[in-house]
Amino acid sequence: MTRKSDLAELPKEKNLYISLYYFNEIKNIFPNQWSEYKKYRLTHIVCLNALSIAGNTIILENYNFSSNQLNNTEIPKSLTNIQNIDWSSEGSFKYLKGVSSSNFLAADLVTSL
């Protein structure tokens, strides 16, 4: 999530807080998809990796480095734009595998934001 980013310069504790906040927001927006591993691909490694890559973009846009504060109101608004994605295991994500699929999905997520 912080790879090749200005966020990598932040303390580990701050990055941990930001990561936990980001993924808790995803969990709040998609409670069923988050908790049902067999029915949905949201918590599969390829999708989590894609969400992390997209999260880098979202967080960078909503982090003020001068005040060292995260804009907690804009991140959930950004994430609501990905609600129309079908995360089901039988949908279009059925055959996603590997890093290239994560990068492809992340690019789609960023454009949908």
Protein backbone atom coordinates (compact mmCIF):
# COMPACT_ATOMS: atom_id res chain seq x y z
CA MET A 1 0.00 0.00 0.00
CA THR A 2 2.90 2.34 0.61
CA ARG A 3 5.28 0.94 -1.99
CA LYS A 4 6.77 3.58 -4.29
CA SER A 5 4.87 6.27 -2.45
CA ASP A 6 5.43 9.24 -0.17
CA LEU A 7 3.49 7.27 2.43
CA ALA A 8 6.53 5.01 2.86
CA GLU A 9 8.28 7.90 4.60
CA LEU A 10 5.70 7.94 7.41
CA PRO A 11 6.35 6.05 10.65
CA LYS A 12 5.27 2.41 10.66
CA GLU A 13 2.63 3.09 13.31
CA LYS A 14 1.05 5.78 11.14
CA ASN A 15 1.03 3.47 8.12
CA LEU A 16 -0.54 0.75 10.22
CA TYR A 17 -3.27 3.12 11.40
CA ILE A 18 -3.96 4.29 7.84
CA SER A 19 -4.08 0.71 6.52
CA LEU A 20 -6.41 -0.44 9.27
CA TYR A 21 -8.66 2.55 8.73
CA TYR A 22 -8.77 2.00 4.96
CA PHE A 23 -9.59 -1.70 5.14
CA ASN A 24 -12.13 -1.18 7.95
CA GLU A 25 -13.91 1.28 5.67
CA ILE A 26 -13.97 -1.35 2.93
CA LYS A 27 -15.29 -3.87 5.45
CA ASN A 28 -18.04 -1.41 6.49
CA ILE A 29 -19.07 -0.75 2.89
CA PHE A 30 -19.04 -4.45 1.91
CA PRO A 31 -19.92 -6.39 5.08
CA ASN A 32 -21.34 -9.46 3.29
CA GLN A 33 -18.60 -9.64 0.69
CA TRP A 34 -15.97 -9.25 3.40
CA SER A 35 -17.29 -12.03 5.62
CA GLU A 36 -18.23 -14.65 3.00
CA TYR A 37 -14.93 -15.88 1.57
CA LYS A 38 -16.41 -18.64 -0.58
CA LYS A 39 -19.11 -16.51 -2.21
CA TYR A 40 -17.05 -13.39 -2.85
CA ARG A 41 -13.50 -12.65 -3.98
CA LEU A 42 -13.11 -9.40 -2.03
CA THR A 43 -10.85 -10.95 0.62
CA HIS A 44 -8.86 -13.13 -1.79
CA ILE A 45 -5.22 -12.11 -2.12
CA VAL A 46 -5.51 -10.83 -5.70
CA CYS A 47 -8.37 -8.49 -4.80
CA LEU A 48 -6.78 -7.38 -1.51
CA ASN A 49 -3.60 -6.57 -3.39
CA ALA A 50 -5.58 -4.59 -5.97
CA LEU A 51 -7.42 -2.72 -3.20
CA SER A 52 -4.05 -1.92 -1.61
CA ILE A 53 -2.68 -0.53 -4.86
CA ALA A 54 -5.83 1.54 -5.36
CA GLY A 55 -5.69 2.55 -1.69
CA ASN A 56 -2.31 4.13 -2.29
CA THR A 57 -3.93 6.52 -4.77
CA ILE A 58 -6.95 7.20 -2.55
CA ILE A 59 -4.89 7.85 0.55
CA LEU A 60 -2.33 10.05 -1.20
CA GLU A 61 -5.18 12.23 -2.46
CA ASN A 62 -6.62 12.48 1.05
CA TYR A 63 -3.54 12.82 3.22
CA ASN A 64 -2.17 16.18 4.29
CA PHE A 65 1.56 15.79 4.82
CA SER A 66 2.00 19.23 6.35
CA SER A 67 -0.47 18.55 9.15
CA ASN A 68 0.18 14.78 9.10
CA GLN A 69 -3.57 14.12 9.02
CA LEU A 70 -5.81 11.81 7.02
CA ASN A 71 -9.06 13.23 5.64
CA ASN A 72 -11.44 10.65 7.13
CA THR A 73 -14.51 12.06 5.42
CA GLU A 74 -13.33 11.80 1.81
CA ILE A 75 -12.04 8.22 1.86
CA PRO A 76 -15.46 6.60 2.43
CA LYS A 77 -16.88 8.82 -0.32
CA SER A 78 -14.20 7.59 -2.70
CA LEU A 79 -14.83 3.98 -1.78
CA THR A 80 -18.57 4.21 -2.43
CA ASN A 81 -17.74 4.56 -6.11
CA ILE A 82 -16.62 0.92 -6.20
CA GLN A 83 -19.90 -0.40 -4.77
CA ASN A 84 -21.18 -1.32 -8.21
CA ILE A 85 -18.41 -3.89 -8.72
CA ASP A 86 -19.53 -7.52 -8.66
CA TRP A 87 -17.14 -9.22 -6.21
CA SER A 88 -18.82 -12.62 -6.47
CA SER A 89 -16.72 -15.72 -6.97
CA GLU A 90 -18.79 -16.75 -9.96
CA GLY A 91 -18.64 -13.35 -11.65
CA SER A 92 -15.95 -11.74 -13.74
CA PHE A 93 -13.33 -12.18 -10.99
CA LYS A 94 -13.61 -15.97 -11.05
CA TYR A 95 -10.36 -16.48 -12.95
CA LEU A 96 -8.26 -13.64 -11.56
CA LYS A 97 -4.85 -14.90 -10.50
CA GLY A 98 -1.44 -13.41 -9.96
CA VAL A 99 0.17 -10.01 -9.78
CA SER A 100 -0.80 -9.03 -13.31
CA SER A 101 -4.48 -9.54 -12.44
CA SER A 102 -4.03 -7.45 -9.29
CA ASN A 103 -2.47 -4.63 -11.30
CA PHE A 104 -5.22 -4.82 -13.92
CA LEU A 105 -7.96 -4.76 -11.28
CA ALA A 106 -6.23 -1.93 -9.40
CA ALA A 107 -6.14 0.16 -12.58
CA ASP A 108 -9.89 -0.46 -13.03
CA LEU A 109 -10.55 0.47 -9.41
CA VAL A 110 -8.59 3.71 -9.71
CA THR A 111 -10.46 4.72 -12.89
CA SER A 112 -13.80 3.99 -11.20
CA LEU A 113 -12.90 6.34 -8.38
